[in-house]
């Protein structure tokens, strides 16, 4: 449930006209069936959490369809329901072109757009998201206070850790609540894992990413995606969510990322290949990790990484490349990589 910025879900109401304006701004078409209420107290995507005066958003999932619970929401006191298809209901319904995108944008609107003051860095790929996000949080500490969100939960700048549910990327209501927590912590940066499920289900649709990191791509999640092309295309949607001056940071060693999806955005590549923009040169593996030279467009520096394996060299490079985009100095990055954290658990 996302409540209005003034707290509570009774008074003052969130003006429905404001919600409609946000939908128009985001090119989500809509029409009312029945008379639109003047306002609502909170936005809910779970009919079991409805309180009198709330607005219910029906989401179609792979297991459960929220449209089946519009009547339950009405019985609990919802003033209206957002739907993607006509639904028999005792309350007005707002028929939208995409209820998942509507939920993401409206939860952000209701909460006062908590990500507006953050630089958000998203990481997607089959493997390495968690490690890359946590290394990046460590590196960006040289630039400002940084939070991290993903499989292991929410890590705040003061070191506190808030465990979360099983989803790599939370649904729009929980994500907005986490963004509020991050904003209240005083963070400047948020590094976060962005799963293919989240991208396909529009959970992060309201975010504008400063940097999007693409780690690697391999056979996975075909229990959800129809085929490998669908899986890859879901990942590539992250490039569409970059802000106007944002940068896609791409693993040069993975041919899956050779795509026209990056044609209209700033690009920076990373890897151990000679043509990568940010690369690891002269890699030598040791019993404790690896030694190599970090090469960036703004200079080079020797690195001693305390994480084992080539895959962690790649994770560290992705994190370092993103930090480079945001202005981190190569020597500072190398120094911080020497104390890169092990992934908890």
C-alpha atoms as a PDB file:
ATOM      1  CA  UNK A   1       0.000   0.000   0.000  1.00  0.00           C
ATOM      2  CA  UNK A   2       1.244   3.471  -0.901  1.00  0.00           C
ATOM      3  CA  UNK A   3      -0.269   6.272   1.180  1.00  0.00           C
ATOM      4  CA  UNK A   4      -0.462   9.951   0.511  1.00  0.00           C
ATOM      5  CA  UNK A   5       2.554  12.057   1.535  1.00  0.00           C
ATOM      6  CA  UNK A   6       0.687  13.565   4.491  1.00  0.00           C
ATOM      7  CA  UNK A   7       0.180  10.170   6.107  1.00  0.00           C
ATOM      8  CA  UNK A   8      -2.928   8.149   6.745  1.00  0.00           C
ATOM      9  CA  UNK A   9      -5.390   7.027   4.133  1.00  0.00           C
ATOM     10  CA  UNK A  10      -8.467   8.992   5.100  1.00  0.00           C
ATOM     11  CA  UNK A  11      -7.775  12.748   4.838  1.00  0.00           C
ATOM     12  CA  UNK A  12      -6.458  14.620   2.995  1.00  0.00           C
ATOM     13  CA  UNK A  13      -7.312  12.728  -0.182  1.00  0.00           C
ATOM     14  CA  UNK A  14      -4.922  12.353  -3.085  1.00  0.00           C
ATOM     15  CA  UNK A  15      -6.554  14.251  -5.926  1.00  0.00           C
ATOM     16  CA  UNK A  16      -7.620  11.957  -8.748  1.00  0.00           C
ATOM     17  CA  UNK A  17      -6.933  14.751 -11.213  1.00  0.00           C
ATOM     18  CA  UNK A  18      -3.302  14.674 -10.164  1.00  0.00           C
ATOM     19  CA  UNK A  19      -3.160  10.925 -10.736  1.00  0.00           C
ATOM     20  CA  UNK A  20      -4.754  11.359 -14.160  1.00  0.00           C
ATOM     21  CA  UNK A  21      -2.184  14.033 -15.035  1.00  0.00           C
ATOM     22  CA  UNK A  22       0.643  11.654 -14.157  1.00  0.00           C
ATOM     23  CA  UNK A  23      -0.827   8.961 -16.414  1.00  0.00           C
ATOM     24  CA  UNK A  24      -1.078  11.437 -19.287  1.00  0.00           C
ATOM     25  CA  UNK A  25       2.501  12.590 -18.676  1.00  0.00           C
ATOM     26  CA  UNK A  26       3.676   8.976 -18.968  1.00  0.00           C
ATOM     27  CA  UNK A  27       1.601   8.289 -22.096  1.00  0.00           C
ATOM     28  CA  UNK A  28      -0.659   5.768 -20.382  1.00  0.00           C
ATOM     29  CA  UNK A  29      -4.075   6.076 -22.013  1.00  0.00           C
ATOM     30  CA  UNK A  30      -7.147   5.742 -19.796  1.00  0.00           C
ATOM     31  CA  UNK A  31     -10.908   6.131 -19.644  1.00  0.00           C
ATOM     32  CA  UNK A  32     -13.422   5.968 -16.821  1.00  0.00           C
ATOM     33  CA  UNK A  33     -16.315   3.553 -16.568  1.00  0.00           C
ATOM     34  CA  UNK A  34     -18.577   5.196 -14.027  1.00  0.00           C
ATOM     35  CA  UNK A  35     -18.037   8.501 -12.280  1.00  0.00           C
ATOM     36  CA  UNK A  36     -14.475   9.174 -11.156  1.00  0.00           C
ATOM     37  CA  UNK A  37     -14.016   9.817  -7.427  1.00  0.00           C
ATOM     38  CA  UNK A  38     -12.497  13.157  -6.476  1.00  0.00           C
ATOM     39  CA  UNK A  39      -9.660  11.454  -4.647  1.00  0.00           C
ATOM     40  CA  UNK A  40      -8.416   8.438  -2.747  1.00  0.00           C
ATOM     41  CA  UNK A  41      -6.558   7.700   0.444  1.00  0.00           C
ATOM     42  CA  UNK A  42      -3.960   5.140  -0.698  1.00  0.00           C
ATOM     43  CA  UNK A  43      -3.066   3.002  -3.701  1.00  0.00           C
ATOM     44  CA  UNK A  44      -3.175  -0.780  -3.188  1.00  0.00           C
ATOM     45  CA  UNK A  45      -2.294  -3.693  -5.445  1.00  0.00           C
ATOM     46  CA  UNK A  46      -3.418  -6.279  -2.871  1.00  0.00           C
ATOM     47  CA  UNK A  47      -7.177  -6.401  -2.253  1.00  0.00           C
ATOM     48  CA  UNK A  48      -6.549  -7.805   1.249  1.00  0.00           C
ATOM     49  CA  UNK A  49      -4.919  -4.522   2.258  1.00  0.00           C
ATOM     50  CA  UNK A  50      -7.735  -2.249   1.085  1.00  0.00           C
ATOM     51  CA  UNK A  51      -9.106   0.277   3.554  1.00  0.00           C
ATOM     52  CA  UNK A  52     -12.210   2.422   2.950  1.00  0.00           C
ATOM     53  CA  UNK A  53     -11.367   5.188   0.507  1.00  0.00           C
ATOM     54  CA  UNK A  54      -8.447   3.417  -1.197  1.00  0.00           C
ATOM     55  CA  UNK A  55      -7.784   2.995  -4.920  1.00  0.00           C
ATOM     56  CA  UNK A  56      -7.226  -0.624  -6.041  1.00  0.00           C
ATOM     57  CA  UNK A  57      -4.927  -1.442  -8.969  1.00  0.00           C
ATOM     58  CA  UNK A  58      -5.582  -4.839 -10.577  1.00  0.00           C
ATOM     59  CA  UNK A  59      -2.355  -6.412 -11.841  1.00  0.00           C
ATOM     60  CA  UNK A  60      -2.257  -9.505 -14.042  1.00  0.00           C
ATOM     61  CA  UNK A  61       0.465 -11.889 -12.880  1.00  0.00           C
ATOM     62  CA  UNK A  62       1.726 -15.268 -14.023  1.00  0.00           C
ATOM     63  CA  UNK A  63      -0.055 -16.979 -11.112  1.00  0.00           C
ATOM     64  CA  UNK A  64      -2.784 -14.576  -9.937  1.00  0.00           C
ATOM     65  CA  UNK A  65      -4.898 -12.015 -11.801  1.00  0.00           C
ATOM     66  CA  UNK A  66      -5.858  -8.966  -9.760  1.00  0.00           C
ATOM     67  CA  UNK A  67      -8.927  -8.477 -11.946  1.00  0.00           C
ATOM     68  CA  UNK A  68     -10.445 -11.450 -10.122  1.00  0.00           C
ATOM     69  CA  UNK A  69     -10.389  -9.429  -6.901  1.00  0.00           C
ATOM     70  CA  UNK A  70     -12.009  -6.164  -7.977  1.00  0.00           C
ATOM     71  CA  UNK A  71     -15.253  -7.095  -6.234  1.00  0.00           C
ATOM     72  CA  UNK A  72     -13.349  -7.999  -3.073  1.00  0.00           C
ATOM     73  CA  UNK A  73     -11.668  -4.604  -3.174  1.00  0.00           C
ATOM     74  CA  UNK A  74     -15.044  -2.936  -3.645  1.00  0.00           C
ATOM     75  CA  UNK A  75     -16.494  -4.835  -0.687  1.00  0.00           C
ATOM     76  CA  UNK A  76     -13.567  -3.666   1.450  1.00  0.00           C
ATOM     77  CA  UNK A  77     -14.305  -0.032   0.641  1.00  0.00           C
ATOM     78  CA  UNK A  78     -12.228   0.812  -2.433  1.00  0.00           C
ATOM     79  CA  UNK A  79     -13.533   3.939  -4.174  1.00  0.00           C
ATOM     80  CA  UNK A  80     -12.389   2.775  -7.622  1.00  0.00           C
ATOM     81  CA  UNK A  81     -10.247   0.208  -9.390  1.00  0.00           C
ATOM     82  CA  UNK A  82      -7.586   0.525 -12.075  1.00  0.00           C
ATOM     83  CA  UNK A  83      -8.045  -2.247 -14.656  1.00  0.00           C
ATOM     84  CA  UNK A  84      -6.696  -3.286 -18.050  1.00  0.00           C
ATOM     85  CA  UNK A  85      -9.956  -4.774 -19.266  1.00  0.00           C
ATOM     86  CA  UNK A  86     -13.623  -4.169 -18.590  1.00  0.00           C
ATOM     87  CA  UNK A  87     -14.660  -5.578 -15.249  1.00  0.00           C
ATOM     88  CA  UNK A  88     -18.081  -5.971 -13.698  1.00  0.00           C
ATOM     89  CA  UNK A  89     -17.797  -3.947 -10.527  1.00  0.00           C
ATOM     90  CA  UNK A  90     -19.895  -2.018  -8.047  1.00  0.00           C
ATOM     91  CA  UNK A  91     -17.327   0.785  -8.110  1.00  0.00           C
ATOM     92  CA  UNK A  92     -16.004   3.015 -10.913  1.00  0.00           C
ATOM     93  CA  UNK A  93     -13.153   1.542 -12.913  1.00  0.00           C
ATOM     94  CA  UNK A  94     -10.279   3.328 -14.613  1.00  0.00           C
ATOM     95  CA  UNK A  95      -9.489   1.383 -17.778  1.00  0.00           C
ATOM     96  CA  UNK A  96      -5.801   1.865 -18.635  1.00  0.00           C
ATOM     97  CA  UNK A  97      -3.547   0.671 -21.433  1.00  0.00           C
ATOM     98  CA  UNK A  98      -1.025  -0.825 -18.981  1.00  0.00           C
ATOM     99  CA  UNK A  99      -1.959  -1.368 -15.327  1.00  0.00           C
ATOM    100  CA  UNK A 100       1.572  -2.467 -14.354  1.00  0.00           C
ATOM    101  CA  UNK A 101       3.106   0.754 -15.656  1.00  0.00           C
ATOM    102  CA  UNK A 102       0.232   2.704 -14.098  1.00  0.00           C
ATOM    103  CA  UNK A 103       0.922   1.088 -10.712  1.00  0.00           C
ATOM    104  CA  UNK A 104       4.615   1.986 -10.893  1.00  0.00           C
ATOM    105  CA  UNK A 105       4.042   5.607 -11.869  1.00  0.00           C
ATOM    106  CA  UNK A 106       1.153   6.203  -9.485  1.00  0.00           C
ATOM    107  CA  UNK A 107       2.888   4.690  -6.450  1.00  0.00           C
ATOM    108  CA  UNK A 108       5.778   7.060  -7.127  1.00  0.00           C
ATOM    109  CA  UNK A 109       3.371   9.985  -7.595  1.00  0.00           C
ATOM    110  CA  UNK A 110       1.508   9.250  -4.358  1.00  0.00           C
ATOM    111  CA  UNK A 111       4.775   9.060  -2.407  1.00  0.00           C
ATOM    112  CA  UNK A 112       6.073  12.324  -3.825  1.00  0.00           C
ATOM    113  CA  UNK A 113       8.571  10.733  -6.236  1.00  0.00           C
ATOM    114  CA  UNK A 114      11.146   9.635  -3.629  1.00  0.00           C
ATOM    115  CA  UNK A 115      13.764   8.712  -6.248  1.00  0.00           C
ATOM    116  CA  UNK A 116      13.825  12.226  -7.722  1.00  0.00           C
ATOM    117  CA  UNK A 117      16.801  13.288  -5.597  1.00  0.00           C
ATOM    118  CA  UNK A 118      18.789  10.068  -6.111  1.00  0.00           C
ATOM    119  CA  UNK A 119      21.240   8.914  -8.741  1.00  0.00           C
ATOM    120  CA  UNK A 120      20.050   5.380  -9.396  1.00  0.00           C
ATOM    121  CA  UNK A 121      22.343   2.748 -10.908  1.00  0.00           C
ATOM    122  CA  UNK A 122      20.646  -0.419 -12.119  1.00  0.00           C
ATOM    123  CA  UNK A 123      22.398  -3.739 -12.687  1.00  0.00           C
ATOM    124  CA  UNK A 124      20.899  -6.495 -14.816  1.00  0.00           C
ATOM    125  CA  UNK A 125      22.211  -9.769 -16.222  1.00  0.00           C
ATOM    126  CA  UNK A 126      21.923 -13.469 -15.495  1.00  0.00           C
ATOM    127  CA  UNK A 127      24.741 -13.660 -12.958  1.00  0.00           C
ATOM    128  CA  UNK A 128      26.797 -11.247 -10.896  1.00  0.00           C
ATOM    129  CA  UNK A 129      24.106  -8.690 -10.055  1.00  0.00           C
ATOM    130  CA  UNK A 130      24.368  -8.995  -6.267  1.00  0.00           C
ATOM    131  CA  UNK A 131      28.166  -8.862  -6.152  1.00  0.00           C
ATOM    132  CA  UNK A 132      28.348  -6.010  -8.659  1.00  0.00           C
ATOM    133  CA  UNK A 133      25.791  -3.958  -6.727  1.00  0.00           C
ATOM    134  CA  UNK A 134      27.587  -4.426  -3.404  1.00  0.00           C
ATOM    135  CA  UNK A 135      31.024  -3.680  -4.875  1.00  0.00           C
ATOM    136  CA  UNK A 136      29.566  -0.588  -6.522  1.00  0.00           C
ATOM    137  CA  UNK A 137      28.092   0.582  -3.221  1.00  0.00           C
ATOM    138  CA  UNK A 138      31.576   0.254  -1.744  1.00  0.00           C
ATOM    139  CA  UNK A 139      33.200   2.166  -4.618  1.00  0.00           C
ATOM    140  CA  UNK A 140      30.657   4.966  -4.727  1.00  0.00           C
ATOM    141  CA  UNK A 141      31.284   5.636  -1.068  1.00  0.00           C
ATOM    142  CA  UNK A 142      34.214   7.718  -2.310  1.00  0.00           C
ATOM    143  CA  UNK A 143      31.743  10.068  -4.025  1.00  0.00           C
ATOM    144  CA  UNK A 144      28.881  10.221  -1.539  1.00  0.00           C
ATOM    145  CA  UNK A 145      26.547   8.240   0.673  1.00  0.00           C
ATOM    146  CA  UNK A 146      25.274   5.145  -1.108  1.00  0.00           C
ATOM    147  CA  UNK A 147      22.545   2.573  -0.528  1.00  0.00           C
ATOM    148  CA  UNK A 148      22.085  -0.804  -2.228  1.00  0.00           C
ATOM    149  CA  UNK A 149      18.967  -2.844  -2.937  1.00  0.00           C
ATOM    150  CA  UNK A 150      18.617  -6.380  -4.220  1.00  0.00           C
ATOM    151  CA  UNK A 151      18.382 -10.064  -3.426  1.00  0.00           C
ATOM    152  CA  UNK A 152      19.878  -9.638   0.041  1.00  0.00           C
ATOM    153  CA  UNK A 153      17.661  -6.692   0.973  1.00  0.00           C
ATOM    154  CA  UNK A 154      18.294  -3.009   1.527  1.00  0.00           C
ATOM    155  CA  UNK A 155      21.689  -1.727   2.711  1.00  0.00           C
ATOM    156  CA  UNK A 156      21.681   1.882   3.927  1.00  0.00           C
ATOM    157  CA  UNK A 157      24.606   4.333   4.022  1.00  0.00           C
ATOM    158  CA  UNK A 158      25.028   3.946   7.793  1.00  0.00           C
ATOM    159  CA  UNK A 159      25.675   0.218   7.349  1.00  0.00           C
ATOM    160  CA  UNK A 160      22.270  -0.948   8.533  1.00  0.00           C
ATOM    161  CA  UNK A 161      20.740  -3.878   6.678  1.00  0.00           C
ATOM    162  CA  UNK A 162      17.007  -4.354   6.180  1.00  0.00           C
ATOM    163  CA  UNK A 163      16.155  -7.864   4.891  1.00  0.00           C
ATOM    164  CA  UNK A 164      13.431  -8.061   2.268  1.00  0.00           C
ATOM    165  CA  UNK A 165      11.286 -10.704   0.550  1.00  0.00           C
ATOM    166  CA  UNK A 166      12.431 -13.229  -1.989  1.00  0.00           C
ATOM    167  CA  UNK A 167      12.163 -11.017  -5.077  1.00  0.00           C
ATOM    168  CA  UNK A 168      15.401  -9.635  -6.507  1.00  0.00           C
ATOM    169  CA  UNK A 169      13.572  -6.411  -7.369  1.00  0.00           C
ATOM    170  CA  UNK A 170      10.510  -5.543  -5.239  1.00  0.00           C
ATOM    171  CA  UNK A 171       7.069  -4.844  -6.653  1.00  0.00           C
ATOM    172  CA  UNK A 172       6.126  -1.185  -7.200  1.00  0.00           C
ATOM    173  CA  UNK A 173       4.556  -0.561  -3.789  1.00  0.00           C
ATOM    174  CA  UNK A 174       7.407  -2.160  -1.807  1.00  0.00           C
ATOM    175  CA  UNK A 175       9.988  -0.579  -4.100  1.00  0.00           C
ATOM    176  CA  UNK A 176       8.518   2.873  -3.520  1.00  0.00           C
ATOM    177  CA  UNK A 177       8.607   2.293   0.244  1.00  0.00           C
ATOM    178  CA  UNK A 178      12.284   1.310  -0.036  1.00  0.00           C
ATOM    179  CA  UNK A 179      13.008   4.413  -2.125  1.00  0.00           C
ATOM    180  CA  UNK A 180      11.412   6.536   0.586  1.00  0.00           C
ATOM    181  CA  UNK A 181      13.663   4.872   3.173  1.00  0.00           C
ATOM    182  CA  UNK A 182      16.736   5.493   1.003  1.00  0.00           C
ATOM    183  CA  UNK A 183      15.796   9.137   0.429  1.00  0.00           C
ATOM    184  CA  UNK A 184      15.225   9.666   4.161  1.00  0.00           C
ATOM    185  CA  UNK A 185      18.664   8.178   4.883  1.00  0.00           C
ATOM    186  CA  UNK A 186      20.298  11.057   3.016  1.00  0.00           C
ATOM    187  CA  UNK A 187      21.797   8.847   0.313  1.00  0.00           C
ATOM    188  CA  UNK A 188      23.009  10.394  -2.920  1.00  0.00           C
ATOM    189  CA  UNK A 189      23.334   7.123  -4.815  1.00  0.00           C
ATOM    190  CA  UNK A 190      21.304   3.916  -4.969  1.00  0.00           C
ATOM    191  CA  UNK A 191      22.722   0.817  -6.626  1.00  0.00           C
ATOM    192  CA  UNK A 192      20.105  -1.836  -7.290  1.00  0.00           C
ATOM    193  CA  UNK A 193      19.593  -5.206  -8.918  1.00  0.00           C
ATOM    194  CA  UNK A 194      17.033  -5.166 -11.717  1.00  0.00           C
ATOM    195  CA  UNK A 195      15.682  -8.571 -12.694  1.00  0.00           C
ATOM    196  CA  UNK A 196      14.170  -9.551 -16.035  1.00  0.00           C
ATOM    197  CA  UNK A 197      10.898 -10.259 -14.205  1.00  0.00           C
ATOM    198  CA  UNK A 198      10.880  -6.707 -12.814  1.00  0.00           C
ATOM    199  CA  UNK A 199      11.533  -5.216 -16.234  1.00  0.00           C
ATOM    200  CA  UNK A 200       8.897  -7.354 -17.922  1.00  0.00           C
ATOM    201  CA  UNK A 201       6.359  -6.516 -15.197  1.00  0.00           C
ATOM    202  CA  UNK A 202       7.189  -2.786 -15.271  1.00  0.00           C
ATOM    203  CA  UNK A 203       8.092  -2.679 -11.570  1.00  0.00           C
ATOM    204  CA  UNK A 204      10.855  -0.095 -12.141  1.00  0.00           C
ATOM    205  CA  UNK A 205       9.004   1.876 -14.815  1.00  0.00           C
ATOM    206  CA  UNK A 206       8.897   5.051 -12.722  1.00  0.00           C
ATOM    207  CA  UNK A 207      12.676   5.193 -12.287  1.00  0.00           C
ATOM    208  CA  UNK A 208      15.148   7.066 -14.441  1.00  0.00           C
ATOM    209  CA  UNK A 209      18.551   5.434 -14.202  1.00  0.00           C
ATOM    210  CA  UNK A 210      21.799   7.392 -14.313  1.00  0.00           C
ATOM    211  CA  UNK A 211      23.703   4.238 -15.237  1.00  0.00           C
ATOM    212  CA  UNK A 212      22.549   0.801 -16.372  1.00  0.00           C
ATOM    213  CA  UNK A 213      25.040  -2.078 -16.068  1.00  0.00           C
ATOM    214  CA  UNK A 214      24.665  -5.223 -18.204  1.00  0.00           C
ATOM    215  CA  UNK A 215      26.731  -8.043 -16.690  1.00  0.00           C
ATOM    216  CA  UNK A 216      26.241 -11.257 -18.677  1.00  0.00           C
ATOM    217  CA  UNK A 217      23.545 -13.351 -20.314  1.00  0.00           C
ATOM    218  CA  UNK A 218      22.983 -17.107 -20.195  1.00  0.00           C
ATOM    219  CA  UNK A 219      20.272 -19.758 -20.189  1.00  0.00           C
ATOM    220  CA  UNK A 220      17.877 -19.137 -17.274  1.00  0.00           C
ATOM    221  CA  UNK A 221      14.298 -18.178 -16.307  1.00  0.00           C
ATOM    222  CA  UNK A 222      12.638 -19.998 -19.208  1.00  0.00           C
ATOM    223  CA  UNK A 223      10.002 -21.084 -16.708  1.00  0.00           C
ATOM    224  CA  UNK A 224       8.829 -17.461 -16.978  1.00  0.00           C
ATOM    225  CA  UNK A 225      10.028 -16.125 -20.337  1.00  0.00           C
ATOM    226  CA  UNK A 226       8.751 -17.769 -23.515  1.00  0.00           C
ATOM    227  CA  UNK A 227      12.232 -18.158 -25.010  1.00  0.00           C
ATOM    228  CA  UNK A 228      15.765 -16.768 -24.846  1.00  0.00           C
ATOM    229  CA  UNK A 229      14.905 -13.840 -27.113  1.00  0.00           C
ATOM    230  CA  UNK A 230      12.068 -12.804 -24.780  1.00  0.00           C
ATOM    231  CA  UNK A 231      14.406 -13.120 -21.793  1.00  0.00           C
ATOM    232  CA  UNK A 232      17.106 -11.014 -23.488  1.00  0.00           C
ATOM    233  CA  UNK A 233      14.621  -8.381 -24.664  1.00  0.00           C
ATOM    234  CA  UNK A 234      13.308  -8.031 -21.105  1.00  0.00           C
ATOM    235  CA  UNK A 235      16.850  -7.337 -19.881  1.00  0.00           C
ATOM    236  CA  UNK A 236      17.451  -4.830 -22.674  1.00  0.00           C
ATOM    237  CA  UNK A 237      14.427  -2.782 -21.525  1.00  0.00           C
ATOM    238  CA  UNK A 238      16.694  -1.334 -18.844  1.00  0.00           C
ATOM    239  CA  UNK A 239      18.364   0.763 -21.564  1.00  0.00           C
ATOM    240  CA  UNK A 240      14.978   2.382 -22.271  1.00  0.00           C
ATOM    241  CA  UNK A 241      14.803   3.560 -18.664  1.00  0.00           C
ATOM    242  CA  UNK A 242      18.051   5.536 -18.777  1.00  0.00           C
ATOM    243  CA  UNK A 243      17.664   9.265 -18.233  1.00  0.00           C
ATOM    244  CA  UNK A 244      18.514  11.496 -21.197  1.00  0.00           C
ATOM    245  CA  UNK A 245      22.203  11.779 -20.272  1.00  0.00           C
ATOM    246  CA  UNK A 246      22.472   8.285 -18.774  1.00  0.00           C
ATOM    247  CA  UNK A 247      25.022   5.659 -19.751  1.00  0.00           C
ATOM    248  CA  UNK A 248      24.762   1.962 -20.514  1.00  0.00           C
ATOM    249  CA  UNK A 249      27.774   0.078 -19.097  1.00  0.00           C
ATOM    250  CA  UNK A 250      28.084  -3.105 -21.140  1.00  0.00           C
ATOM    251  CA  UNK A 251      30.102  -6.298 -20.739  1.00  0.00           C
ATOM    252  CA  UNK A 252      32.224  -6.335 -23.903  1.00  0.00           C
ATOM    253  CA  UNK A 253      32.853 -10.064 -23.521  1.00  0.00           C
ATOM    254  CA  UNK A 254      29.205 -11.062 -23.939  1.00  0.00           C
ATOM    255  CA  UNK A 255      27.862 -11.024 -27.535  1.00  0.00           C
ATOM    256  CA  UNK A 256      24.280 -11.021 -26.223  1.00  0.00           C
ATOM    257  CA  UNK A 257      24.592  -7.275 -25.642  1.00  0.00           C
ATOM    258  CA  UNK A 258      25.340  -6.519 -29.302  1.00  0.00           C
ATOM    259  CA  UNK A 259      22.009  -4.803 -29.809  1.00  0.00           C
ATOM    260  CA  UNK A 260      20.372  -1.792 -31.408  1.00  0.00           C
ATOM    261  CA  UNK A 261      18.818  -1.135 -27.977  1.00  0.00           C
ATOM    262  CA  UNK A 262      21.986   0.829 -27.160  1.00  0.00           C
ATOM    263  CA  UNK A 263      22.042   2.846 -30.394  1.00  0.00           C
ATOM    264  CA  UNK A 264      20.507   5.980 -28.896  1.00  0.00           C
ATOM    265  CA  UNK A 265      22.273   6.002 -25.506  1.00  0.00           C
ATOM    266  CA  UNK A 266      25.747   6.743 -24.184  1.00  0.00           C
ATOM    267  CA  UNK A 267      27.802   3.535 -24.002  1.00  0.00           C
ATOM    268  CA  UNK A 268      30.849   2.389 -22.041  1.00  0.00           C
ATOM    269  CA  UNK A 269      32.188  -1.160 -22.288  1.00  0.00           C
ATOM    270  CA  UNK A 270      34.126  -3.216 -19.753  1.00  0.00           C
ATOM    271  CA  UNK A 271      36.011  -6.503 -19.772  1.00  0.00           C
ATOM    272  CA  UNK A 272      39.422  -8.078 -20.216  1.00  0.00           C
ATOM    273  CA  UNK A 273      39.402  -7.526 -23.978  1.00  0.00           C
ATOM    274  CA  UNK A 274      41.830  -4.958 -25.367  1.00  0.00           C
ATOM    275  CA  UNK A 275      39.050  -2.902 -26.965  1.00  0.00           C
ATOM    276  CA  UNK A 276      37.009  -2.515 -23.742  1.00  0.00           C
ATOM    277  CA  UNK A 277      36.782   1.068 -22.483  1.00  0.00           C
ATOM    278  CA  UNK A 278      37.351  -0.034 -18.885  1.00  0.00           C
ATOM    279  CA  UNK A 279      39.465  -3.164 -18.662  1.00  0.00           C
ATOM    280  CA  UNK A 280      41.615  -5.370 -16.508  1.00  0.00           C
ATOM    281  CA  UNK A 281      45.096  -5.746 -17.985  1.00  0.00           C
ATOM    282  CA  UNK A 282      47.689  -8.364 -17.035  1.00  0.00           C
ATOM    283  CA  UNK A 283      45.368 -10.361 -14.786  1.00  0.00           C
ATOM    284  CA  UNK A 284      47.121 -12.762 -12.430  1.00  0.00           C
ATOM    285  CA  UNK A 285      45.105 -14.964 -10.108  1.00  0.00           C
ATOM    286  CA  UNK A 286      46.359 -15.572  -6.573  1.00  0.00           C
ATOM    287  CA  UNK A 287      45.208 -17.770  -3.666  1.00  0.00           C
ATOM    288  CA  UNK A 288      43.493 -14.692  -2.212  1.00  0.00           C
ATOM    289  CA  UNK A 289      42.013 -13.145  -5.358  1.00  0.00           C
ATOM    290  CA  UNK A 290      43.665 -11.439  -8.315  1.00  0.00           C
ATOM    291  CA  UNK A 291      46.124  -8.726  -9.288  1.00  0.00           C
ATOM    292  CA  UNK A 292      45.676  -6.598 -12.377  1.00  0.00           C
ATOM    293  CA  UNK A 293      45.806  -3.094 -13.773  1.00  0.00           C
ATOM    294  CA  UNK A 294      42.604  -1.126 -13.961  1.00  0.00           C
ATOM    295  CA  UNK A 295      42.622   0.777 -17.259  1.00  0.00           C
ATOM    296  CA  UNK A 296      40.031   3.535 -17.750  1.00  0.00           C
ATOM    297  CA  UNK A 297      39.664   6.454 -20.189  1.00  0.00           C
ATOM    298  CA  UNK A 298      40.941   8.755 -17.434  1.00  0.00           C
ATOM    299  CA  UNK A 299      43.953   6.741 -16.283  1.00  0.00           C
ATOM    300  CA  UNK A 300      45.230   3.454 -14.867  1.00  0.00           C
ATOM    301  CA  UNK A 301      46.013   2.033 -11.448  1.00  0.00           C
ATOM    302  CA  UNK A 302      47.172  -1.316  -9.992  1.00  0.00           C
ATOM    303  CA  UNK A 303      44.502  -3.440  -8.297  1.00  0.00           C
ATOM    304  CA  UNK A 304      44.652  -6.222  -5.727  1.00  0.00           C
ATOM    305  CA  UNK A 305      41.147  -7.698  -5.622  1.00  0.00           C
ATOM    306  CA  UNK A 306      40.385  -9.917  -2.581  1.00  0.00           C
ATOM    307  CA  UNK A 307      37.705 -11.904  -4.466  1.00  0.00           C
ATOM    308  CA  UNK A 308      38.434 -15.181  -6.229  1.00  0.00           C
ATOM    309  CA  UNK A 309      37.858 -15.990  -9.884  1.00  0.00           C
ATOM    310  CA  UNK A 310      37.565 -14.398 -13.297  1.00  0.00           C
ATOM    311  CA  UNK A 311      33.862 -13.808 -12.717  1.00  0.00           C
ATOM    312  CA  UNK A 312      34.680 -11.495  -9.816  1.00  0.00           C
ATOM    313  CA  UNK A 313      37.173  -9.598 -11.982  1.00  0.00           C
ATOM    314  CA  UNK A 314      34.231  -9.030 -14.325  1.00  0.00           C
ATOM    315  CA  UNK A 315      31.933  -8.001 -11.471  1.00  0.00           C
ATOM    316  CA  UNK A 316      34.541  -5.568 -10.167  1.00  0.00           C
ATOM    317  CA  UNK A 317      35.066  -4.115 -13.646  1.00  0.00           C
ATOM    318  CA  UNK A 318      31.337  -3.536 -14.125  1.00  0.00           C
ATOM    319  CA  UNK A 319      31.150  -1.748 -10.779  1.00  0.00           C
ATOM    320  CA  UNK A 320      34.301   0.269 -11.493  1.00  0.00           C
ATOM    321  CA  UNK A 321      33.048   1.254 -14.953  1.00  0.00           C
ATOM    322  CA  UNK A 322      29.780   2.553 -13.478  1.00  0.00           C
ATOM    323  CA  UNK A 323      31.696   4.479 -10.795  1.00  0.00           C
ATOM    324  CA  UNK A 324      33.968   5.903 -13.512  1.00  0.00           C
ATOM    325  CA  UNK A 325      30.902   7.226 -15.356  1.00  0.00           C
ATOM    326  CA  UNK A 326      29.855   9.007 -12.161  1.00  0.00           C
ATOM    327  CA  UNK A 327      33.258  10.649 -11.749  1.00  0.00           C
ATOM    328  CA  UNK A 328      35.354   8.342  -9.548  1.00  0.00           C
ATOM    329  CA  UNK A 329      39.128   8.587  -9.866  1.00  0.00           C
ATOM    330  CA  UNK A 330      40.967   5.415 -11.084  1.00  0.00           C
ATOM    331  CA  UNK A 331      43.439   5.470  -8.185  1.00  0.00           C
ATOM    332  CA  UNK A 332      40.602   5.777  -5.660  1.00  0.00           C
ATOM    333  CA  UNK A 333      38.741   2.941  -7.371  1.00  0.00           C
ATOM    334  CA  UNK A 334      41.816   0.714  -7.216  1.00  0.00           C
ATOM    335  CA  UNK A 335      42.308   1.511  -3.540  1.00  0.00           C
ATOM    336  CA  UNK A 336      38.697   0.697  -2.735  1.00  0.00           C
ATOM    337  CA  UNK A 337      38.729  -2.505  -4.801  1.00  0.00           C
ATOM    338  CA  UNK A 338      41.480  -3.736  -2.475  1.00  0.00           C
ATOM    339  CA  UNK A 339      38.854  -3.818   0.291  1.00  0.00           C
ATOM    340  CA  UNK A 340      35.907  -4.992  -1.847  1.00  0.00           C
ATOM    341  CA  UNK A 341      33.320  -6.781   0.301  1.00  0.00           C
ATOM    342  CA  UNK A 342      32.527 -10.467   0.163  1.00  0.00           C
ATOM    343  CA  UNK A 343      28.866 -11.123  -0.612  1.00  0.00           C
ATOM    344  CA  UNK A 344      27.148 -12.002   2.702  1.00  0.00           C
ATOM    345  CA  UNK A 345      25.997 -15.606   2.998  1.00  0.00           C
END
